Amino acid sequence: MRAFFGLATGLCLVASTYVIQAAEIGGRYDVVGSNPSNQGQYRGEVVIEPQGETYRITWTIGSDRTEGTGIFRDGRLAVVYQPDNARPGVAFYDLRGDGSLSGTWVVHGGAKLGAEVWQKPGA
């Protein structure tokens, strides 16, 4: 019986951690990324806005703006996105212990991955 309560307590702590993490991922991030095949790096801003069970993701890189929709589960953010005048893509990010997100992305039909790190300003 003691083992059951220990397990139940542990599961509750893990579940509450993900709820807290989900609530805390909203906000503005500085983004540093690299294009596939080392085709250059870029910097910009990403804004994550909670939208019910999903998240609206908006990238601003220079004068380019990209919109996406994300799902956050188990410490991972999955995003489908559509840049203006470009192919759509998909991205996966892991929430790191310092509150940043790190992940990879690919455009539809692409064979190489790009990478990004999102960091809260001042972190």
C-alpha atoms as a PDB file:
ATOM      1  CA  MET A   1       0.000   0.000   0.000  1.00  0.00           C
ATOM      2  CA  ARG A   2       2.866   2.363   0.826  1.00  0.00           C
ATOM      3  CA  ALA A   3       4.359   1.695  -2.605  1.00  0.00           C
ATOM      4  CA  PHE A   4       1.038   2.620  -4.233  1.00  0.00           C
ATOM      5  CA  PHE A   5       0.892   5.967  -2.426  1.00  0.00           C
ATOM      6  CA  GLY A   6       4.517   6.656  -3.322  1.00  0.00           C
ATOM      7  CA  LEU A   7       3.798   5.906  -6.974  1.00  0.00           C
ATOM      8  CA  ALA A   8       0.618   7.995  -6.940  1.00  0.00           C
ATOM      9  CA  THR A   9       2.453  10.920  -5.341  1.00  0.00           C
ATOM     10  CA  GLY A  10       5.249  10.678  -7.902  1.00  0.00           C
ATOM     11  CA  LEU A  11       2.787  10.620 -10.805  1.00  0.00           C
ATOM     12  CA  CYS A  12       0.979  13.660  -9.405  1.00  0.00           C
ATOM     13  CA  LEU A  13       4.262  15.562  -9.147  1.00  0.00           C
ATOM     14  CA  VAL A  14       5.189  14.698 -12.739  1.00  0.00           C
ATOM     15  CA  ALA A  15       1.723  15.654 -13.996  1.00  0.00           C
ATOM     16  CA  SER A  16       1.765  18.954 -12.110  1.00  0.00           C
ATOM     17  CA  THR A  17       5.227  19.728 -13.503  1.00  0.00           C
ATOM     18  CA  TYR A  18       3.899  19.433 -17.068  1.00  0.00           C
ATOM     19  CA  VAL A  19       0.898  21.647 -16.244  1.00  0.00           C
ATOM     20  CA  ILE A  20       3.251  24.279 -14.822  1.00  0.00           C
ATOM     21  CA  GLN A  21       5.573  23.956 -17.824  1.00  0.00           C
ATOM     22  CA  ALA A  22       2.671  24.328 -20.260  1.00  0.00           C
ATOM     23  CA  ALA A  23       1.498  27.493 -18.518  1.00  0.00           C
ATOM     24  CA  GLU A  24       5.007  28.934 -18.489  1.00  0.00           C
ATOM     25  CA  ILE A  25       5.926  28.471 -22.159  1.00  0.00           C
ATOM     26  CA  GLY A  26       3.785  31.397 -23.296  1.00  0.00           C
ATOM     27  CA  GLY A  27       5.581  34.665 -23.981  1.00  0.00           C
ATOM     28  CA  ARG A  28       8.297  36.246 -26.083  1.00  0.00           C
ATOM     29  CA  TYR A  29      11.584  34.510 -26.926  1.00  0.00           C
ATOM     30  CA  ASP A  30      14.760  35.485 -28.733  1.00  0.00           C
ATOM     31  CA  VAL A  31      15.465  32.919 -31.444  1.00  0.00           C
ATOM     32  CA  VAL A  32      18.814  31.883 -32.915  1.00  0.00           C
ATOM     33  CA  GLY A  33      18.601  29.429 -35.774  1.00  0.00           C
ATOM     34  CA  SER A  34      20.536  27.746 -38.528  1.00  0.00           C
ATOM     35  CA  ASN A  35      19.243  26.831 -41.954  1.00  0.00           C
ATOM     36  CA  PRO A  36      19.620  23.289 -43.327  1.00  0.00           C
ATOM     37  CA  SER A  37      23.029  22.274 -44.717  1.00  0.00           C
ATOM     38  CA  ASN A  38      24.797  25.170 -42.940  1.00  0.00           C
ATOM     39  CA  GLN A  39      23.163  27.689 -45.288  1.00  0.00           C
ATOM     40  CA  GLY A  40      23.492  30.517 -42.782  1.00  0.00           C
ATOM     41  CA  GLN A  41      22.287  31.527 -39.360  1.00  0.00           C
ATOM     42  CA  TYR A  42      19.521  33.922 -38.388  1.00  0.00           C
ATOM     43  CA  ARG A  43      18.211  35.751 -35.333  1.00  0.00           C
ATOM     44  CA  GLY A  44      14.795  37.078 -34.489  1.00  0.00           C
ATOM     45  CA  GLU A  45      11.840  36.786 -32.160  1.00  0.00           C
ATOM     46  CA  VAL A  46       9.216  34.138 -31.440  1.00  0.00           C
ATOM     47  CA  VAL A  47       5.966  34.768 -29.562  1.00  0.00           C
ATOM     48  CA  ILE A  48       4.001  31.861 -28.043  1.00  0.00           C
ATOM     49  CA  GLU A  49       0.343  32.604 -27.241  1.00  0.00           C
ATOM     50  CA  PRO A  50      -1.925  30.035 -25.528  1.00  0.00           C
ATOM     51  CA  GLN A  51      -5.057  29.351 -27.633  1.00  0.00           C
ATOM     52  CA  GLY A  52      -7.201  26.883 -25.683  1.00  0.00           C
ATOM     53  CA  GLU A  53      -5.492  23.498 -25.964  1.00  0.00           C
ATOM     54  CA  THR A  54      -3.021  24.761 -28.571  1.00  0.00           C
ATOM     55  CA  TYR A  55      -0.531  27.583 -29.007  1.00  0.00           C
ATOM     56  CA  ARG A  56      -0.234  30.249 -31.661  1.00  0.00           C
ATOM     57  CA  ILE A  57       3.418  30.640 -32.643  1.00  0.00           C
ATOM     58  CA  THR A  58       4.620  33.757 -34.487  1.00  0.00           C
ATOM     59  CA  TRP A  59       8.193  34.102 -35.741  1.00  0.00           C
ATOM     60  CA  THR A  60       9.583  37.471 -36.822  1.00  0.00           C
ATOM     61  CA  ILE A  61      12.935  37.138 -38.581  1.00  0.00           C
ATOM     62  CA  GLY A  62      13.998  40.468 -40.087  1.00  0.00           C
ATOM     63  CA  SER A  63      10.969  41.644 -42.071  1.00  0.00           C
ATOM     64  CA  ASP A  64       9.613  38.076 -42.529  1.00  0.00           C
ATOM     65  CA  ARG A  65       6.737  36.841 -40.403  1.00  0.00           C
ATOM     66  CA  THR A  66       5.702  33.190 -40.042  1.00  0.00           C
ATOM     67  CA  GLU A  67       2.585  31.851 -38.299  1.00  0.00           C
ATOM     68  CA  GLY A  68       2.198  28.401 -36.767  1.00  0.00           C
ATOM     69  CA  THR A  69       0.044  26.268 -34.487  1.00  0.00           C
ATOM     70  CA  GLY A  70       1.581  24.151 -31.741  1.00  0.00           C
ATOM     71  CA  ILE A  71       0.688  21.370 -29.330  1.00  0.00           C
ATOM     72  CA  PHE A  72       2.631  21.053 -26.067  1.00  0.00           C
ATOM     73  CA  ARG A  73       2.780  17.591 -24.455  1.00  0.00           C
ATOM     74  CA  ASP A  74       5.259  15.887 -22.144  1.00  0.00           C
ATOM     75  CA  GLY A  75       7.806  18.686 -22.334  1.00  0.00           C
ATOM     76  CA  ARG A  76       7.755  18.845 -26.151  1.00  0.00           C
ATOM     77  CA  LEU A  77       6.257  21.405 -28.499  1.00  0.00           C
ATOM     78  CA  ALA A  78       5.184  20.238 -31.970  1.00  0.00           C
ATOM     79  CA  VAL A  79       4.474  23.020 -34.479  1.00  0.00           C
ATOM     80  CA  VAL A  80       3.117  23.171 -38.012  1.00  0.00           C
ATOM     81  CA  TYR A  81       3.903  26.494 -39.689  1.00  0.00           C
ATOM     82  CA  GLN A  82       3.305  28.429 -42.906  1.00  0.00           C
ATOM     83  CA  PRO A  83       5.649  31.244 -43.954  1.00  0.00           C
ATOM     84  CA  ASP A  84       4.385  33.909 -46.355  1.00  0.00           C
ATOM     85  CA  ASN A  85       5.174  32.865 -49.949  1.00  0.00           C
ATOM     86  CA  ALA A  86       7.051  29.697 -48.926  1.00  0.00           C
ATOM     87  CA  ARG A  87       6.424  26.014 -48.276  1.00  0.00           C
ATOM     88  CA  PRO A  88       4.830  24.939 -44.983  1.00  0.00           C
ATOM     89  CA  GLY A  89       6.841  22.979 -42.457  1.00  0.00           C
ATOM     90  CA  VAL A  90       6.908  21.152 -39.162  1.00  0.00           C
ATOM     91  CA  ALA A  91       9.097  21.657 -36.089  1.00  0.00           C
ATOM     92  CA  PHE A  92       9.705  19.887 -32.763  1.00  0.00           C
ATOM     93  CA  TYR A  93      11.116  21.585 -29.667  1.00  0.00           C
ATOM     94  CA  ASP A  94      12.162  20.257 -26.256  1.00  0.00           C
ATOM     95  CA  LEU A  95      11.622  22.371 -23.149  1.00  0.00           C
ATOM     96  CA  ARG A  96      14.964  22.572 -21.333  1.00  0.00           C
ATOM     97  CA  GLY A  97      15.553  22.984 -17.609  1.00  0.00           C
ATOM     98  CA  ASP A  98      16.442  26.670 -17.978  1.00  0.00           C
ATOM     99  CA  GLY A  99      13.079  27.434 -19.654  1.00  0.00           C
ATOM    100  CA  SER A 100      14.490  27.678 -23.172  1.00  0.00           C
ATOM    101  CA  LEU A 101      13.285  25.518 -26.062  1.00  0.00           C
ATOM    102  CA  SER A 102      15.583  23.758 -28.505  1.00  0.00           C
ATOM    103  CA  GLY A 103      14.539  21.941 -31.636  1.00  0.00           C
ATOM    104  CA  THR A 104      14.660  21.176 -35.318  1.00  0.00           C
ATOM    105  CA  TRP A 105      12.487  22.050 -38.298  1.00  0.00           C
ATOM    106  CA  VAL A 106      11.953  21.031 -41.912  1.00  0.00           C
ATOM    107  CA  VAL A 107       9.955  22.460 -44.809  1.00  0.00           C
ATOM    108  CA  HIS A 108       7.479  20.257 -46.666  1.00  0.00           C
ATOM    109  CA  GLY A 109       9.445  17.984 -48.999  1.00  0.00           C
ATOM    110  CA  GLY A 110      12.780  18.890 -47.378  1.00  0.00           C
ATOM    111  CA  ALA A 111      15.480  16.300 -46.685  1.00  0.00           C
ATOM    112  CA  LYS A 112      17.670  18.343 -44.311  1.00  0.00           C
ATOM    113  CA  LEU A 113      16.886  19.822 -40.890  1.00  0.00           C
ATOM    114  CA  GLY A 114      17.308  23.343 -39.603  1.00  0.00           C
ATOM    115  CA  ALA A 115      17.750  24.038 -35.892  1.00  0.00           C
ATOM    116  CA  GLU A 116      16.597  26.704 -33.437  1.00  0.00           C
ATOM    117  CA  VAL A 117      17.048  27.692 -29.802  1.00  0.00           C
ATOM    118  CA  TRP A 118      14.432  29.935 -28.156  1.00  0.00           C
ATOM    119  CA  GLN A 119      15.553  31.825 -25.056  1.00  0.00           C
ATOM    120  CA  LYS A 120      13.535  34.238 -22.885  1.00  0.00           C
ATOM    121  CA  PRO A 121      15.075  37.737 -23.103  1.00  0.00           C
ATOM    122  CA  GLY A 122      17.533  38.391 -20.312  1.00  0.00           C
ATOM    123  CA  ALA A 123      17.824  34.696 -19.411  1.00  0.00           C
END
